C-alpha atoms as a PDB file:
ATOM      1  CA  MET A   1      -9.347 -14.424 -22.784  1.00  0.00           C
ATOM      2  CA  LYS A   2     -10.718 -12.798 -25.945  1.00  0.00           C
ATOM      3  CA  MET A   3      -8.317 -12.130 -28.776  1.00  0.00           C
ATOM      4  CA  ALA A   4      -7.422  -8.439 -29.222  1.00  0.00           C
ATOM      5  CA  GLU A   5      -8.922  -6.732 -32.234  1.00  0.00           C
ATOM      6  CA  PRO A   6      -6.953  -4.591 -34.462  1.00  0.00           C
ATOM      7  CA  LEU A   7      -7.944  -0.859 -34.680  1.00  0.00           C
ATOM      8  CA  THR A   8      -7.099   1.220 -37.584  1.00  0.00           C
ATOM      9  CA  ILE A   9      -7.055   5.001 -37.320  1.00  0.00           C
ATOM     10  CA  ASN A  10      -5.777   7.739 -39.467  1.00  0.00           C
ATOM     11  CA  LEU A  11      -3.558  10.478 -38.039  1.00  0.00           C
ATOM     12  CA  ASP A  12      -2.202  13.624 -39.628  1.00  0.00           C
ATOM     13  CA  ALA A  13       1.544  13.750 -39.752  1.00  0.00           C
ATOM     14  CA  GLU A  14       1.899  16.060 -36.832  1.00  0.00           C
ATOM     15  CA  SER A  15      -0.275  13.822 -34.622  1.00  0.00           C
ATOM     16  CA  LEU A  16       1.769  10.698 -35.685  1.00  0.00           C
ATOM     17  CA  ALA A  17       5.057  12.434 -34.962  1.00  0.00           C
ATOM     18  CA  SER A  18       3.873  13.485 -31.598  1.00  0.00           C
ATOM     19  CA  LEU A  19       2.690  10.002 -30.895  1.00  0.00           C
ATOM     20  CA  LYS A  20       6.157   8.639 -31.785  1.00  0.00           C
ATOM     21  CA  VAL A  21       7.927  11.127 -29.560  1.00  0.00           C
ATOM     22  CA  ALA A  22       5.690  10.457 -26.625  1.00  0.00           C
ATOM     23  CA  ALA A  23       6.083   6.659 -26.912  1.00  0.00           C
ATOM     24  CA  ALA A  24       9.856   7.016 -27.239  1.00  0.00           C
ATOM     25  CA  TRP A  25       9.910   9.319 -24.218  1.00  0.00           C
ATOM     26  CA  ARG A  26       8.259   6.550 -22.198  1.00  0.00           C
ATOM     27  CA  GLU A  27      10.615   4.070 -23.806  1.00  0.00           C
ATOM     28  CA  ILE A  28       7.782   1.895 -25.160  1.00  0.00           C
ATOM     29  CA  SER A  29       6.414   0.933 -28.547  1.00  0.00           C
ATOM     30  CA  VAL A  30       3.834   3.066 -30.247  1.00  0.00           C
ATOM     31  CA  ASP A  31       1.469   0.165 -29.962  1.00  0.00           C
ATOM     32  CA  ALA A  32       2.056  -0.089 -26.197  1.00  0.00           C
ATOM     33  CA  TYR A  33       1.673   3.603 -25.819  1.00  0.00           C
ATOM     34  CA  VAL A  34      -1.656   3.870 -27.721  1.00  0.00           C
ATOM     35  CA  LYS A  35      -3.053   0.948 -25.632  1.00  0.00           C
ATOM     36  CA  SER A  36      -2.059   2.629 -22.449  1.00  0.00           C
ATOM     37  CA  VAL A  37      -3.574   6.014 -23.542  1.00  0.00           C
ATOM     38  CA  VAL A  38      -6.889   4.293 -24.631  1.00  0.00           C
ATOM     39  CA  GLN A  39      -7.020   2.207 -21.457  1.00  0.00           C
ATOM     40  CA  THR A  40      -6.470   5.323 -19.258  1.00  0.00           C
ATOM     41  CA  ALA A  41      -8.881   7.593 -21.195  1.00  0.00           C
ATOM     42  CA  THR A  42     -11.766   4.900 -21.190  1.00  0.00           C
ATOM     43  CA  ARG A  43     -11.190   4.191 -17.483  1.00  0.00           C
ATOM     44  CA  MET A  44     -11.468   7.953 -16.689  1.00  0.00           C
ATOM     45  CA  ASP A  45     -14.575   8.362 -18.926  1.00  0.00           C
ATOM     46  CA  VAL A  46     -16.312   5.387 -17.338  1.00  0.00           C
ATOM     47  CA  GLU A  47     -15.559   6.653 -13.828  1.00  0.00           C
ATOM     48  CA  LEU A  48     -16.715  10.225 -14.757  1.00  0.00           C
ATOM     49  CA  ALA A  49     -20.033   8.767 -16.253  1.00  0.00           C
ATOM     50  CA  ALA A  50     -20.653   6.824 -13.010  1.00  0.00           C
ATOM     51  CA  PHE A  51     -19.921   9.853 -10.973  1.00  0.00           C
ATOM     52  CA  VAL A  52     -22.307  12.067 -12.998  1.00  0.00           C
ATOM     53  CA  GLN A  53     -25.050   9.295 -12.748  1.00  0.00           C
ATOM     54  CA  GLU A  54     -24.625   9.430  -8.887  1.00  0.00           C
ATOM     55  CA  GLY A  55     -25.280  13.134  -9.055  1.00  0.00           C
ATOM     56  CA  ILE A  56     -28.368  12.665 -11.320  1.00  0.00           C
ATOM     57  CA  ASP A  57     -29.621   9.887  -9.048  1.00  0.00           C
ATOM     58  CA  SER A  58     -29.058  12.115  -6.006  1.00  0.00           C
ATOM     59  CA  ALA A  59     -30.891  15.057  -7.531  1.00  0.00           C
ATOM     60  CA  ASP A  60     -33.827  12.676  -8.670  1.00  0.00           C
ATOM     61  CA  ARG A  61     -34.074  11.740  -4.880  1.00  0.00           C
ATOM     62  CA  GLY A  62     -34.371  15.452  -4.010  1.00  0.00           C
ATOM     63  CA  GLU A  63     -30.868  15.425  -2.418  1.00  0.00           C
ATOM     64  CA  LEU A  64     -29.533  18.867  -3.794  1.00  0.00           C
ATOM     65  CA  ILE A  65     -26.826  21.095  -2.562  1.00  0.00           C
ATOM     66  CA  SER A  66     -26.366  24.787  -2.880  1.00  0.00           C
ATOM     67  CA  GLN A  67     -24.366  26.633  -5.615  1.00  0.00           C
ATOM     68  CA  GLU A  68     -21.969  27.739  -2.890  1.00  0.00           C
ATOM     69  CA  GLU A  69     -21.347  24.256  -1.735  1.00  0.00           C
ATOM     70  CA  MET A  70     -20.804  22.932  -5.240  1.00  0.00           C
ATOM     71  CA  GLU A  71     -18.307  25.721  -5.878  1.00  0.00           C
ATOM     72  CA  ALA A  72     -16.502  24.913  -2.636  1.00  0.00           C
ATOM     73  CA  TRP A  73     -16.335  21.410  -3.581  1.00  0.00           C
ATOM     74  CA  PHE A  74     -14.799  22.023  -7.044  1.00  0.00           C
ATOM     75  CA  GLU A  75     -12.285  24.551  -5.438  1.00  0.00           C
ATOM     76  CA  ALA A  76     -11.269  21.731  -2.964  1.00  0.00           C
ATOM     77  CA  ARG A  77     -10.872  19.153  -5.851  1.00  0.00           C
ATOM     78  CA  TYR A  78      -8.852  21.636  -7.918  1.00  0.00           C
ATOM     79  CA  ARG A  79      -6.444  22.440  -5.134  1.00  0.00           C
ATOM     80  CA  SER A  80      -6.027  18.729  -4.380  1.00  0.00           C
ATOM     81  CA  ALA A  81      -5.333  17.910  -8.054  1.00  0.00           C
ATOM     82  CA  ALA A  82      -2.876  20.946  -8.172  1.00  0.00           C
ATOM     83  CA  ALA A  83      -1.039  19.643  -5.158  1.00  0.00           C
ATOM     84  CA  GLU A  84      -0.399  16.248  -6.860  1.00  0.00           C
END
């Protein structure tokens, strides 16, 4: 396994305070909290990028849907997310 690489970031006082509160609320260290947030955000971005690419590939193949179908799809996803 590759050794972890340190990452240095500069946060303003308000962001740092919020970070500490969020980590404490989860009862984990700030380090563990930051790792969790970065893992979650990067996983979501990679999944979104793949999803967008699927749409681009589909459009490139001429597989298009109407504006109404797209709006219905978004509405269904919104309602599903709101129900969770």
